[in-house]
């Protein structure tokens, strides 16, 4: 099994409803989203997927400089964002997992298994 991974950053604001803490206040993050794609077979000329194509697709689904609560109909936690980005990318690639970093120390991962 081969696995390839690309990442892309975006900046956005959000607030977490139902969490009685400072996270209920609007605040922002410089997110980094990593997508890991896997395959047991390589496509010609010997790759799982072209890095440029994969990064471009990832970039196309990221809501840069937006208020995430206005973009999505779910509470935009890192965990929910990871699942959402997984579902979007899995329409095009055999995604193994998505990792959403809110900062350099905290991330959430989602994979279907």
Protein backbone atom coordinates (compact mmCIF):
# COMPACT_ATOMS: atom_id res chain seq x y z
CA UNK A 1 0.00 0.00 0.00
CA UNK A 2 1.29 3.42 -0.95
CA UNK A 3 0.16 6.60 0.74
CA UNK A 4 0.71 10.19 -0.32
CA UNK A 5 -0.14 13.30 1.62
CA UNK A 6 -0.52 16.98 0.81
CA UNK A 7 -1.49 19.87 3.02
CA UNK A 8 -2.93 23.30 2.50
CA UNK A 9 -3.53 26.15 4.92
CA UNK A 10 -6.45 28.52 5.22
CA UNK A 11 -7.57 31.17 7.67
CA UNK A 12 -11.10 31.33 9.05
CA UNK A 13 -13.18 32.36 12.03
CA UNK A 14 -15.69 30.28 13.95
CA UNK A 15 -17.38 29.84 17.28
CA UNK A 16 -18.35 26.61 18.98
CA UNK A 17 -22.00 26.53 20.07
CA UNK A 18 -22.82 24.53 23.18
CA UNK A 19 -19.34 24.73 24.66
CA UNK A 20 -19.47 26.87 27.77
CA UNK A 21 -16.00 28.32 27.41
CA UNK A 22 -14.16 31.05 25.57
CA UNK A 23 -14.60 28.95 22.40
CA UNK A 24 -18.23 30.15 22.25
CA UNK A 25 -16.85 33.56 21.32
CA UNK A 26 -15.95 34.19 17.72
CA UNK A 27 -12.26 33.60 17.13
CA UNK A 28 -9.98 32.58 14.30
CA UNK A 29 -7.42 29.98 13.37
CA UNK A 30 -4.80 29.51 10.74
CA UNK A 31 -5.86 25.98 9.88
CA UNK A 32 -3.79 23.40 8.06
CA UNK A 33 -5.60 20.51 6.41
CA UNK A 34 -3.76 17.34 5.41
CA UNK A 35 -5.26 14.75 3.11
CA UNK A 36 -3.75 11.27 2.91
CA UNK A 37 -4.63 9.18 -0.14
CA UNK A 38 -3.70 5.54 -0.54
CA UNK A 39 -3.60 2.86 -3.20
CA UNK A 40 -2.37 -0.69 -3.63
CA UNK A 41 -1.60 0.08 -7.27
CA UNK A 42 0.26 2.92 -8.93
CA UNK A 43 -1.18 4.80 -11.87
CA UNK A 44 1.09 5.61 -14.82
CA UNK A 45 3.71 7.01 -14.68
CA UNK A 46 4.12 5.40 -11.26
CA UNK A 47 2.19 7.47 -8.73
CA UNK A 48 -0.86 7.24 -6.49
CA UNK A 49 -2.06 10.67 -7.60
CA UNK A 50 -0.35 13.78 -8.89
CA UNK A 51 0.53 16.05 -5.94
CA UNK A 52 -0.42 19.20 -7.85
CA UNK A 53 -3.85 17.80 -8.74
CA UNK A 54 -4.48 16.61 -5.18
CA UNK A 55 -3.42 19.94 -3.63
CA UNK A 56 -5.54 21.88 -6.11
CA UNK A 57 -8.63 19.80 -5.29
CA UNK A 58 -8.01 20.26 -1.57
CA UNK A 59 -7.62 24.01 -2.00
CA UNK A 60 -10.91 24.19 -3.91
CA UNK A 61 -12.93 22.92 -0.91
CA UNK A 62 -11.35 25.10 1.78
CA UNK A 63 -13.36 28.13 2.97
CA UNK A 64 -10.53 30.66 3.22
CA UNK A 65 -11.25 33.92 5.09
CA UNK A 66 -14.82 32.97 5.96
CA UNK A 67 -16.92 32.60 9.09
CA UNK A 68 -17.33 28.83 9.20
CA UNK A 69 -20.62 29.02 11.09
CA UNK A 70 -22.10 30.77 8.04
CA UNK A 71 -20.58 28.30 5.57
CA UNK A 72 -21.67 25.03 7.18
CA UNK A 73 -24.87 23.77 8.77
CA UNK A 74 -22.92 21.95 11.50
CA UNK A 75 -20.92 23.09 14.52
CA UNK A 76 -17.49 23.78 12.93
CA UNK A 77 -15.25 21.93 15.37
CA UNK A 78 -11.99 20.52 14.04
CA UNK A 79 -13.53 17.06 14.27
CA UNK A 80 -16.60 17.99 12.20
CA UNK A 81 -14.45 19.83 9.67
CA UNK A 82 -12.23 16.76 9.28
CA UNK A 83 -15.23 14.55 8.54
CA UNK A 84 -16.67 17.09 6.10
CA UNK A 85 -13.38 17.51 4.21
CA UNK A 86 -13.00 13.72 4.14
CA UNK A 87 -16.42 13.32 2.53
CA UNK A 88 -15.66 16.01 -0.06
CA UNK A 89 -12.24 14.63 -1.03
CA UNK A 90 -13.45 11.00 -1.03
CA UNK A 91 -15.70 11.87 -3.98
CA UNK A 92 -12.53 12.02 -6.09
CA UNK A 93 -9.79 10.00 -4.38
CA UNK A 94 -9.29 6.92 -2.17
CA UNK A 95 -8.79 9.00 0.98
CA UNK A 96 -7.32 7.23 4.00
CA UNK A 97 -7.67 10.13 6.43
CA UNK A 98 -7.98 13.87 6.82
CA UNK A 99 -6.19 15.82 9.53
CA UNK A 100 -7.29 19.33 10.51
CA UNK A 101 -4.77 21.37 12.49
CA UNK A 102 -6.19 24.38 14.38
CA UNK A 103 -2.69 25.39 15.41
CA UNK A 104 0.72 23.73 15.56
CA UNK A 105 -0.19 21.79 18.71
CA UNK A 106 -3.82 20.65 18.20
CA UNK A 107 -5.40 18.59 15.46
CA UNK A 108 -8.29 16.25 14.75
CA UNK A 109 -8.19 13.30 12.35
CA UNK A 110 -11.00 11.54 10.59
CA UNK A 111 -11.04 8.24 8.72
CA UNK A 112 -14.10 6.08 8.14
CA UNK A 113 -12.69 3.04 9.98
